[in-house]
Amino acid sequence: MQKIIHFFGWRYFLLIKICFVIIISSTIFLSIQYFFNTKQLIGVPETLSVYTNPVQGVEIAYPKKYVRSTLTTEDTQAGIFFRITRDVPAAMFSIRYQKGFGAMKLLGGSTLETFTEEVNRRYPERFPEYKKERYERIVLANENAVLIEFSYLGKDNVTRIKQRLIFFIHNNAAYFLSSQAKVEDFNVIEKEFTKIVGSFAFLD
């Protein structure tokens, strides 16, 4: 009887040992799989295109799903030097540059404050059914900046467009970064806009 108990006891101990090894091995395997899957989802960035403009002294990265637009003479005269668009949902991002503030300097006070006042005064006249939704002071590319979000009625008099405008001063020049999409699509694309804006950097 003792031999039988000893025999099954040994087998039982061996079975427990095998089960323990299997559990430990499975845990390690699943941990490794989770690590690599997480790295693929989070650690590896989406393939980006990088735009560098040595004349304006800036660099910015954007997802390859966006396509650079061909700028018109009117665009360049307005100071726009970079524009990208995407489809489904449709969105647009652009950068405008303005140098030489002229009469603005004669008004006194902060030039950034003066630009803010100009935007607040002119945009309600420029954009139909203008509605300001957000105003915030931020820092971008190591410069103090103003962020304004507003919506307006599109050219078809039906679609409402939402725009996030960020502007700041660097080396006596003003930069305006504009992100636009339909109101109902803006929140879907907002993370892309934030990443694009966050990649903006000066070359100096």
C-alpha atoms as a PDB file:
ATOM      1  CA  MET A   1       0.000   0.000   0.000  1.00  0.00           C
ATOM      2  CA  GLN A   2       2.792   2.453   0.865  1.00  0.00           C
ATOM      3  CA  LYS A   3       4.457   1.698  -2.461  1.00  0.00           C
ATOM      4  CA  ILE A   4       1.234   2.502  -4.304  1.00  0.00           C
ATOM      5  CA  ILE A   5       0.822   5.770  -2.380  1.00  0.00           C
ATOM      6  CA  HIS A   6       4.460   6.589  -3.017  1.00  0.00           C
ATOM      7  CA  PHE A   7       4.021   5.837  -6.723  1.00  0.00           C
ATOM      8  CA  PHE A   8       0.963   8.080  -7.150  1.00  0.00           C
ATOM      9  CA  GLY A   9       2.440  10.731  -4.881  1.00  0.00           C
ATOM     10  CA  TRP A  10       5.502  10.942  -7.098  1.00  0.00           C
ATOM     11  CA  ARG A  11       3.329  11.094 -10.207  1.00  0.00           C
ATOM     12  CA  TYR A  12       1.158  13.808  -8.596  1.00  0.00           C
ATOM     13  CA  PHE A  13       4.228  15.854  -7.683  1.00  0.00           C
ATOM     14  CA  LEU A  14       5.558  15.506 -11.237  1.00  0.00           C
ATOM     15  CA  LEU A  15       2.192  16.587 -12.687  1.00  0.00           C
ATOM     16  CA  ILE A  16       2.131  19.673 -10.464  1.00  0.00           C
ATOM     17  CA  LYS A  17       5.673  20.511 -11.496  1.00  0.00           C
ATOM     18  CA  ILE A  18       4.829  20.186 -15.202  1.00  0.00           C
ATOM     19  CA  CYS A  19       1.720  22.376 -14.776  1.00  0.00           C
ATOM     20  CA  PHE A  20       3.776  24.997 -12.959  1.00  0.00           C
ATOM     21  CA  VAL A  21       6.372  25.079 -15.750  1.00  0.00           C
ATOM     22  CA  ILE A  22       3.613  25.392 -18.382  1.00  0.00           C
ATOM     23  CA  ILE A  23       1.978  28.289 -16.517  1.00  0.00           C
ATOM     24  CA  ILE A  24       5.277  30.152 -16.098  1.00  0.00           C
ATOM     25  CA  SER A  25       6.216  29.580 -19.754  1.00  0.00           C
ATOM     26  CA  SER A  26       2.793  30.764 -20.950  1.00  0.00           C
ATOM     27  CA  THR A  27       3.003  33.878 -18.814  1.00  0.00           C
ATOM     28  CA  ILE A  28       6.438  34.756 -20.191  1.00  0.00           C
ATOM     29  CA  PHE A  29       5.295  34.107 -23.771  1.00  0.00           C
ATOM     30  CA  LEU A  30       2.170  36.244 -23.417  1.00  0.00           C
ATOM     31  CA  SER A  31       4.192  39.042 -21.791  1.00  0.00           C
ATOM     32  CA  ILE A  32       6.631  39.036 -24.700  1.00  0.00           C
ATOM     33  CA  GLN A  33       3.770  39.080 -27.217  1.00  0.00           C
ATOM     34  CA  TYR A  34       2.086  41.941 -25.378  1.00  0.00           C
ATOM     35  CA  PHE A  35       5.336  43.916 -25.300  1.00  0.00           C
ATOM     36  CA  PHE A  36       5.944  43.625 -29.032  1.00  0.00           C
ATOM     37  CA  ASN A  37       2.316  44.251 -29.948  1.00  0.00           C
ATOM     38  CA  THR A  38       2.240  47.333 -27.736  1.00  0.00           C
ATOM     39  CA  LYS A  39       5.489  48.530 -29.265  1.00  0.00           C
ATOM     40  CA  GLN A  40       4.019  48.146 -32.738  1.00  0.00           C
ATOM     41  CA  LEU A  41       0.911  50.117 -31.763  1.00  0.00           C
ATOM     42  CA  ILE A  42       2.502  52.836 -29.651  1.00  0.00           C
ATOM     43  CA  GLY A  43       6.263  52.912 -30.056  1.00  0.00           C
ATOM     44  CA  VAL A  44       6.469  52.906 -33.846  1.00  0.00           C
ATOM     45  CA  PRO A  45       5.236  56.213 -35.284  1.00  0.00           C
ATOM     46  CA  GLU A  46       3.101  56.476 -38.383  1.00  0.00           C
ATOM     47  CA  THR A  47       5.131  57.001 -41.555  1.00  0.00           C
ATOM     48  CA  LEU A  48       5.607  60.735 -41.924  1.00  0.00           C
ATOM     49  CA  SER A  49       6.669  63.177 -44.571  1.00  0.00           C
ATOM     50  CA  VAL A  50       8.933  66.039 -43.512  1.00  0.00           C
ATOM     51  CA  TYR A  51       8.749  69.498 -45.058  1.00  0.00           C
ATOM     52  CA  THR A  52      11.765  71.774 -44.664  1.00  0.00           C
ATOM     53  CA  ASN A  53      11.848  75.379 -45.805  1.00  0.00           C
ATOM     54  CA  PRO A  54      15.313  76.953 -45.372  1.00  0.00           C
ATOM     55  CA  VAL A  55      14.036  80.330 -46.630  1.00  0.00           C
ATOM     56  CA  GLN A  56      11.403  80.611 -43.914  1.00  0.00           C
ATOM     57  CA  GLY A  57      13.642  78.629 -41.571  1.00  0.00           C
ATOM     58  CA  VAL A  58      11.033  76.073 -40.524  1.00  0.00           C
ATOM     59  CA  GLU A  59      10.452  72.341 -40.535  1.00  0.00           C
ATOM     60  CA  ILE A  60       7.272  70.340 -39.987  1.00  0.00           C
ATOM     61  CA  ALA A  61       6.202  66.688 -40.226  1.00  0.00           C
ATOM     62  CA  TYR A  62       2.839  65.348 -41.352  1.00  0.00           C
ATOM     63  CA  PRO A  63       1.219  61.953 -42.098  1.00  0.00           C
ATOM     64  CA  LYS A  64       1.682  60.708 -45.653  1.00  0.00           C
ATOM     65  CA  LYS A  65      -2.073  60.512 -46.095  1.00  0.00           C
ATOM     66  CA  TYR A  66      -1.878  64.308 -46.516  1.00  0.00           C
ATOM     67  CA  VAL A  67      -0.967  65.744 -49.922  1.00  0.00           C
ATOM     68  CA  ARG A  68       0.853  69.018 -50.464  1.00  0.00           C
ATOM     69  CA  SER A  69      -1.157  71.556 -52.418  1.00  0.00           C
ATOM     70  CA  THR A  70       0.110  73.617 -55.316  1.00  0.00           C
ATOM     71  CA  LEU A  71      -0.001  77.223 -54.198  1.00  0.00           C
ATOM     72  CA  THR A  72      -1.408  79.957 -56.400  1.00  0.00           C
ATOM     73  CA  THR A  73       0.043  83.422 -56.889  1.00  0.00           C
ATOM     74  CA  GLU A  74      -2.719  84.723 -54.637  1.00  0.00           C
ATOM     75  CA  ASP A  75      -1.672  82.249 -51.926  1.00  0.00           C
ATOM     76  CA  THR A  76       1.963  83.304 -52.000  1.00  0.00           C
ATOM     77  CA  GLN A  77       1.007  86.985 -52.032  1.00  0.00           C
ATOM     78  CA  ALA A  78      -1.039  86.325 -48.890  1.00  0.00           C
ATOM     79  CA  GLY A  79       2.060  84.811 -47.275  1.00  0.00           C
ATOM     80  CA  ILE A  80       0.981  81.156 -47.434  1.00  0.00           C
ATOM     81  CA  PHE A  81       4.021  78.955 -48.083  1.00  0.00           C
ATOM     82  CA  PHE A  82       2.763  75.519 -47.013  1.00  0.00           C
ATOM     83  CA  ARG A  83      -0.580  73.752 -47.364  1.00  0.00           C
ATOM     84  CA  ILE A  84      -1.616  70.094 -47.102  1.00  0.00           C
ATOM     85  CA  THR A  85      -4.992  68.390 -47.501  1.00  0.00           C
ATOM     86  CA  ARG A  86      -6.488  64.962 -46.868  1.00  0.00           C
ATOM     87  CA  ASP A  87      -9.634  63.125 -47.957  1.00  0.00           C
ATOM     88  CA  VAL A  88     -12.305  61.213 -46.012  1.00  0.00           C
ATOM     89  CA  PRO A  89     -12.763  63.040 -43.829  1.00  0.00           C
ATOM     90  CA  ALA A  90     -11.600  66.145 -45.633  1.00  0.00           C
ATOM     91  CA  ALA A  91      -9.190  68.435 -43.807  1.00  0.00           C
ATOM     92  CA  MET A  92      -6.663  71.154 -44.537  1.00  0.00           C
ATOM     93  CA  PHE A  93      -3.611  72.526 -42.747  1.00  0.00           C
ATOM     94  CA  SER A  94      -1.608  75.578 -43.814  1.00  0.00           C
ATOM     95  CA  ILE A  95       1.116  77.955 -42.638  1.00  0.00           C
ATOM     96  CA  ARG A  96       1.143  81.656 -43.401  1.00  0.00           C
ATOM     97  CA  TYR A  97       4.039  84.028 -42.841  1.00  0.00           C
ATOM     98  CA  GLN A  98       3.990  87.780 -42.393  1.00  0.00           C
ATOM     99  CA  LYS A  99       7.020  89.988 -42.028  1.00  0.00           C
ATOM    100  CA  GLY A 100       7.154  93.720 -41.541  1.00  0.00           C
ATOM    101  CA  PHE A 101       4.399  94.801 -39.203  1.00  0.00           C
ATOM    102  CA  GLY A 102       4.346  98.386 -40.381  1.00  0.00           C
ATOM    103  CA  ALA A 103       1.707 100.441 -38.584  1.00  0.00           C
ATOM    104  CA  MET A 104       1.213  97.748 -35.949  1.00  0.00           C
ATOM    105  CA  LYS A 105       4.482  98.731 -34.282  1.00  0.00           C
ATOM    106  CA  LEU A 106       3.267 102.308 -33.985  1.00  0.00           C
ATOM    107  CA  LEU A 107       0.249 101.224 -31.949  1.00  0.00           C
ATOM    108  CA  GLY A 108       2.458 100.323 -28.997  1.00  0.00           C
ATOM    109  CA  GLY A 109       2.109  97.389 -26.636  1.00  0.00           C
ATOM    110  CA  SER A 110       2.780  93.760 -27.516  1.00  0.00           C
ATOM    111  CA  THR A 111       2.788  92.865 -31.199  1.00  0.00           C
ATOM    112  CA  LEU A 112       1.165  89.536 -30.319  1.00  0.00           C
ATOM    113  CA  GLU A 113      -1.600  91.403 -28.503  1.00  0.00           C
ATOM    114  CA  THR A 114      -2.033  93.630 -31.545  1.00  0.00           C
ATOM    115  CA  PHE A 115      -2.402  90.592 -33.809  1.00  0.00           C
ATOM    116  CA  THR A 116      -4.949  89.130 -31.403  1.00  0.00           C
ATOM    117  CA  GLU A 117      -6.980  92.328 -31.558  1.00  0.00           C
ATOM    118  CA  GLU A 118      -6.777  92.312 -35.364  1.00  0.00           C
ATOM    119  CA  VAL A 119      -8.012  88.722 -35.549  1.00  0.00           C
ATOM    120  CA  ASN A 120     -10.863  89.471 -33.150  1.00  0.00           C
ATOM    121  CA  ARG A 121     -11.837  92.492 -35.226  1.00  0.00           C
ATOM    122  CA  ARG A 122     -11.416  91.203 -38.762  1.00  0.00           C
ATOM    123  CA  TYR A 123     -12.413  87.545 -38.618  1.00  0.00           C
ATOM    124  CA  PRO A 124     -16.091  88.134 -37.741  1.00  0.00           C
ATOM    125  CA  GLU A 125     -16.236  90.303 -40.887  1.00  0.00           C
ATOM    126  CA  ARG A 126     -14.238  87.887 -43.031  1.00  0.00           C
ATOM    127  CA  PHE A 127     -16.017  84.626 -42.132  1.00  0.00           C
ATOM    128  CA  PRO A 128     -19.824  84.314 -42.472  1.00  0.00           C
ATOM    129  CA  GLU A 129     -21.637  83.476 -39.222  1.00  0.00           C
ATOM    130  CA  TYR A 130     -18.352  83.563 -37.314  1.00  0.00           C
ATOM    131  CA  LYS A 131     -18.522  82.004 -33.845  1.00  0.00           C
ATOM    132  CA  LYS A 132     -15.471  81.963 -31.554  1.00  0.00           C
ATOM    133  CA  GLU A 133     -15.402  78.812 -29.426  1.00  0.00           C
ATOM    134  CA  ARG A 134     -12.019  78.820 -27.729  1.00  0.00           C
ATOM    135  CA  TYR A 135      -9.211  81.204 -26.793  1.00  0.00           C
ATOM    136  CA  GLU A 136      -6.009  80.047 -25.127  1.00  0.00           C
ATOM    137  CA  ARG A 137      -2.412  81.132 -24.544  1.00  0.00           C
ATOM    138  CA  ILE A 138       0.093  78.393 -25.341  1.00  0.00           C
ATOM    139  CA  VAL A 139       3.797  77.937 -26.093  1.00  0.00           C
ATOM    140  CA  LEU A 140       4.854  76.615 -29.489  1.00  0.00           C
ATOM    141  CA  ALA A 141       8.408  76.262 -30.807  1.00  0.00           C
ATOM    142  CA  ASN A 142       9.592  78.037 -27.637  1.00  0.00           C
ATOM    143  CA  GLU A 143       7.477  81.089 -28.454  1.00  0.00           C
ATOM    144  CA  ASN A 144       4.420  82.490 -26.719  1.00  0.00           C
ATOM    145  CA  ALA A 145       1.421  81.885 -28.962  1.00  0.00           C
ATOM    146  CA  VAL A 146      -2.313  82.459 -29.165  1.00  0.00           C
ATOM    147  CA  LEU A 147      -4.750  79.660 -30.032  1.00  0.00           C
ATOM    148  CA  ILE A 148      -8.213  80.575 -31.286  1.00  0.00           C
ATOM    149  CA  GLU A 149     -10.866  78.089 -32.393  1.00  0.00           C
ATOM    150  CA  PHE A 150     -13.920  79.239 -34.289  1.00  0.00           C
ATOM    151  CA  SER A 151     -16.551  77.948 -36.680  1.00  0.00           C
ATOM    152  CA  TYR A 152     -18.092  79.628 -39.715  1.00  0.00           C
ATOM    153  CA  LEU A 153     -20.421  78.970 -42.633  1.00  0.00           C
ATOM    154  CA  GLY A 154     -18.750  77.505 -45.732  1.00  0.00           C
ATOM    155  CA  LYS A 155     -19.059  78.801 -49.282  1.00  0.00           C
ATOM    156  CA  ASP A 156     -22.013  76.481 -49.949  1.00  0.00           C
ATOM    157  CA  ASN A 157     -23.948  78.317 -47.211  1.00  0.00           C
ATOM    158  CA  VAL A 158     -24.750  74.943 -45.636  1.00  0.00           C
ATOM    159  CA  THR A 159     -21.563  73.345 -44.282  1.00  0.00           C
ATOM    160  CA  ARG A 160     -20.070  74.663 -41.065  1.00  0.00           C
ATOM    161  CA  ILE A 161     -16.278  74.654 -40.935  1.00  0.00           C
ATOM    162  CA  LYS A 162     -14.188  74.645 -37.773  1.00  0.00           C
ATOM    163  CA  GLN A 163     -10.761  76.249 -37.775  1.00  0.00           C
ATOM    164  CA  ARG A 164      -8.000  76.202 -35.174  1.00  0.00           C
ATOM    165  CA  LEU A 165      -5.702  79.168 -35.659  1.00  0.00           C
ATOM    166  CA  ILE A 166      -2.373  79.432 -33.827  1.00  0.00           C
ATOM    167  CA  PHE A 167      -0.169  82.476 -34.298  1.00  0.00           C
ATOM    168  CA  PHE A 168       3.049  83.762 -32.734  1.00  0.00           C
ATOM    169  CA  ILE A 169       6.037  86.012 -33.379  1.00  0.00           C
ATOM    170  CA  HIS A 170       9.566  84.815 -34.133  1.00  0.00           C
ATOM    171  CA  ASN A 171      12.444  87.052 -35.233  1.00  0.00           C
ATOM    172  CA  ASN A 172      10.115  89.937 -36.115  1.00  0.00           C
ATOM    173  CA  ALA A 173       7.890  87.731 -38.262  1.00  0.00           C
ATOM    174  CA  ALA A 174       4.414  86.381 -37.554  1.00  0.00           C
ATOM    175  CA  TYR A 175       3.489  82.760 -38.246  1.00  0.00           C
ATOM    176  CA  PHE A 176      -0.107  81.576 -38.589  1.00  0.00           C
ATOM    177  CA  LEU A 177      -0.838  77.832 -38.407  1.00  0.00           C
ATOM    178  CA  SER A 178      -4.350  76.965 -39.535  1.00  0.00           C
ATOM    179  CA  SER A 179      -6.138  73.589 -39.128  1.00  0.00           C
ATOM    180  CA  GLN A 180      -9.551  73.208 -40.763  1.00  0.00           C
ATOM    181  CA  ALA A 181     -12.249  70.557 -41.162  1.00  0.00           C
ATOM    182  CA  LYS A 182     -16.021  70.244 -41.067  1.00  0.00           C
ATOM    183  CA  VAL A 183     -17.425  70.780 -37.584  1.00  0.00           C
ATOM    184  CA  GLU A 184     -18.621  67.170 -37.375  1.00  0.00           C
ATOM    185  CA  ASP A 185     -15.213  65.833 -38.476  1.00  0.00           C
ATOM    186  CA  PHE A 186     -12.898  68.102 -36.498  1.00  0.00           C
ATOM    187  CA  ASN A 187     -12.781  65.989 -33.333  1.00  0.00           C
ATOM    188  CA  VAL A 188     -11.934  62.902 -35.412  1.00  0.00           C
ATOM    189  CA  ILE A 189      -8.920  64.617 -36.986  1.00  0.00           C
ATOM    190  CA  GLU A 190      -7.905  66.727 -33.983  1.00  0.00           C
ATOM    191  CA  LYS A 191      -5.133  64.339 -32.863  1.00  0.00           C
ATOM    192  CA  GLU A 192      -3.536  64.556 -36.312  1.00  0.00           C
ATOM    193  CA  PHE A 193      -3.705  68.347 -36.234  1.00  0.00           C
ATOM    194  CA  THR A 194      -2.119  68.355 -32.763  1.00  0.00           C
ATOM    195  CA  LYS A 195       0.757  66.117 -33.903  1.00  0.00           C
ATOM    196  CA  ILE A 196       1.384  68.198 -37.014  1.00  0.00           C
ATOM    197  CA  VAL A 197       1.452  71.440 -35.027  1.00  0.00           C
ATOM    198  CA  GLY A 198       3.616  69.825 -32.350  1.00  0.00           C
ATOM    199  CA  SER A 199       6.247  68.888 -34.930  1.00  0.00           C
ATOM    200  CA  PHE A 200       6.685  72.502 -36.054  1.00  0.00           C
ATOM    201  CA  ALA A 201      10.221  73.709 -35.371  1.00  0.00           C
ATOM    202  CA  PHE A 202      12.568  76.498 -36.392  1.00  0.00           C
ATOM    203  CA  LEU A 203      15.872  75.616 -38.038  1.00  0.00           C
ATOM    204  CA  ASP A 204      17.826  78.317 -36.183  1.00  0.00           C
END
